[in-house]
């Protein structure tokens, strides 16, 4: 496994992701945002280099975008 930094706008979201996207104002969004502000990005967003799709961390990615991140 190799950890790299990737621009958010270059990644595709997996259309088959079963979870509903969190939005600012959602309780879970607020908890995740507070956690990311306090501890940083503890778990990385998992991205498939071959397909260019996010396969794990869609919710963290939503929060990162709202916080102004351009890379993860």
Protein backbone atom coordinates (compact mmCIF):
# COMPACT_ATOMS: atom_id res chain seq x y z
CA UNK A 1 0.00 0.00 0.00
CA UNK A 2 1.26 3.44 -0.91
CA UNK A 3 -0.11 6.64 0.63
CA UNK A 4 -0.30 9.55 -1.79
CA UNK A 5 -1.93 12.97 -1.90
CA UNK A 6 -4.63 13.37 -4.53
CA UNK A 7 -6.63 16.40 -5.65
CA UNK A 8 -10.29 15.99 -4.72
CA UNK A 9 -11.56 17.37 -8.02
CA UNK A 10 -9.62 14.67 -9.90
CA UNK A 11 -11.34 11.74 -8.14
CA UNK A 12 -14.61 10.17 -9.21
CA UNK A 13 -17.19 9.14 -6.64
CA UNK A 14 -18.41 5.56 -6.71
CA UNK A 15 -22.00 5.67 -7.99
CA UNK A 16 -22.74 2.41 -6.20
CA UNK A 17 -21.98 3.90 -2.76
CA UNK A 18 -25.02 2.86 -0.68
CA UNK A 19 -24.70 5.62 1.92
CA UNK A 20 -26.62 8.86 1.74
CA UNK A 21 -24.29 11.85 1.43
CA UNK A 22 -23.98 13.84 4.62
CA UNK A 23 -24.75 17.53 4.30
CA UNK A 24 -23.77 20.50 6.51
CA UNK A 25 -26.33 20.71 9.27
CA UNK A 26 -26.72 16.93 9.59
CA UNK A 27 -25.84 15.75 13.08
CA UNK A 28 -23.42 13.10 11.78
CA UNK A 29 -21.77 15.70 9.52
CA UNK A 30 -21.20 17.97 12.51
CA UNK A 31 -19.65 15.13 14.55
CA UNK A 32 -17.34 14.14 11.71
CA UNK A 33 -16.35 17.74 11.05
CA UNK A 34 -15.51 18.30 14.72
CA UNK A 35 -13.47 15.11 14.78
CA UNK A 36 -11.53 16.13 11.67
CA UNK A 37 -10.86 19.59 13.12
CA UNK A 38 -9.68 18.10 16.39
CA UNK A 39 -7.66 15.11 15.18
CA UNK A 40 -7.08 15.77 11.47
CA UNK A 41 -7.70 13.17 8.82
CA UNK A 42 -6.96 10.03 10.83
CA UNK A 43 -8.27 7.60 8.20
CA UNK A 44 -7.37 8.22 4.59
CA UNK A 45 -9.84 8.33 1.73
CA UNK A 46 -9.38 5.07 -0.18
CA UNK A 47 -9.04 5.61 -3.92
CA UNK A 48 -8.64 3.04 -6.68
CA UNK A 49 -5.85 4.25 -8.95
CA UNK A 50 -6.89 2.03 -11.86
CA UNK A 51 -10.54 3.16 -11.97
CA UNK A 52 -9.96 6.63 -10.44
CA UNK A 53 -12.88 6.03 -8.05
CA UNK A 54 -13.23 6.66 -4.35
CA UNK A 55 -13.98 3.31 -2.74
CA UNK A 56 -13.92 4.33 0.91
CA UNK A 57 -14.31 7.60 2.76
CA UNK A 58 -17.11 9.30 0.84
CA UNK A 59 -18.45 10.95 4.01
CA UNK A 60 -14.99 12.16 5.07
CA UNK A 61 -14.55 13.53 1.57
CA UNK A 62 -17.82 15.52 1.84
CA UNK A 63 -16.68 17.02 5.12
CA UNK A 64 -13.19 17.75 3.76
CA UNK A 65 -14.71 19.63 0.82
CA UNK A 66 -16.91 21.67 3.18
CA UNK A 67 -13.83 22.47 5.28
CA UNK A 68 -12.02 23.80 2.23
CA UNK A 69 -9.66 20.91 1.54
CA UNK A 70 -8.53 20.62 -2.07
CA UNK A 71 -6.42 17.49 -1.53
CA UNK A 72 -6.67 14.39 0.62
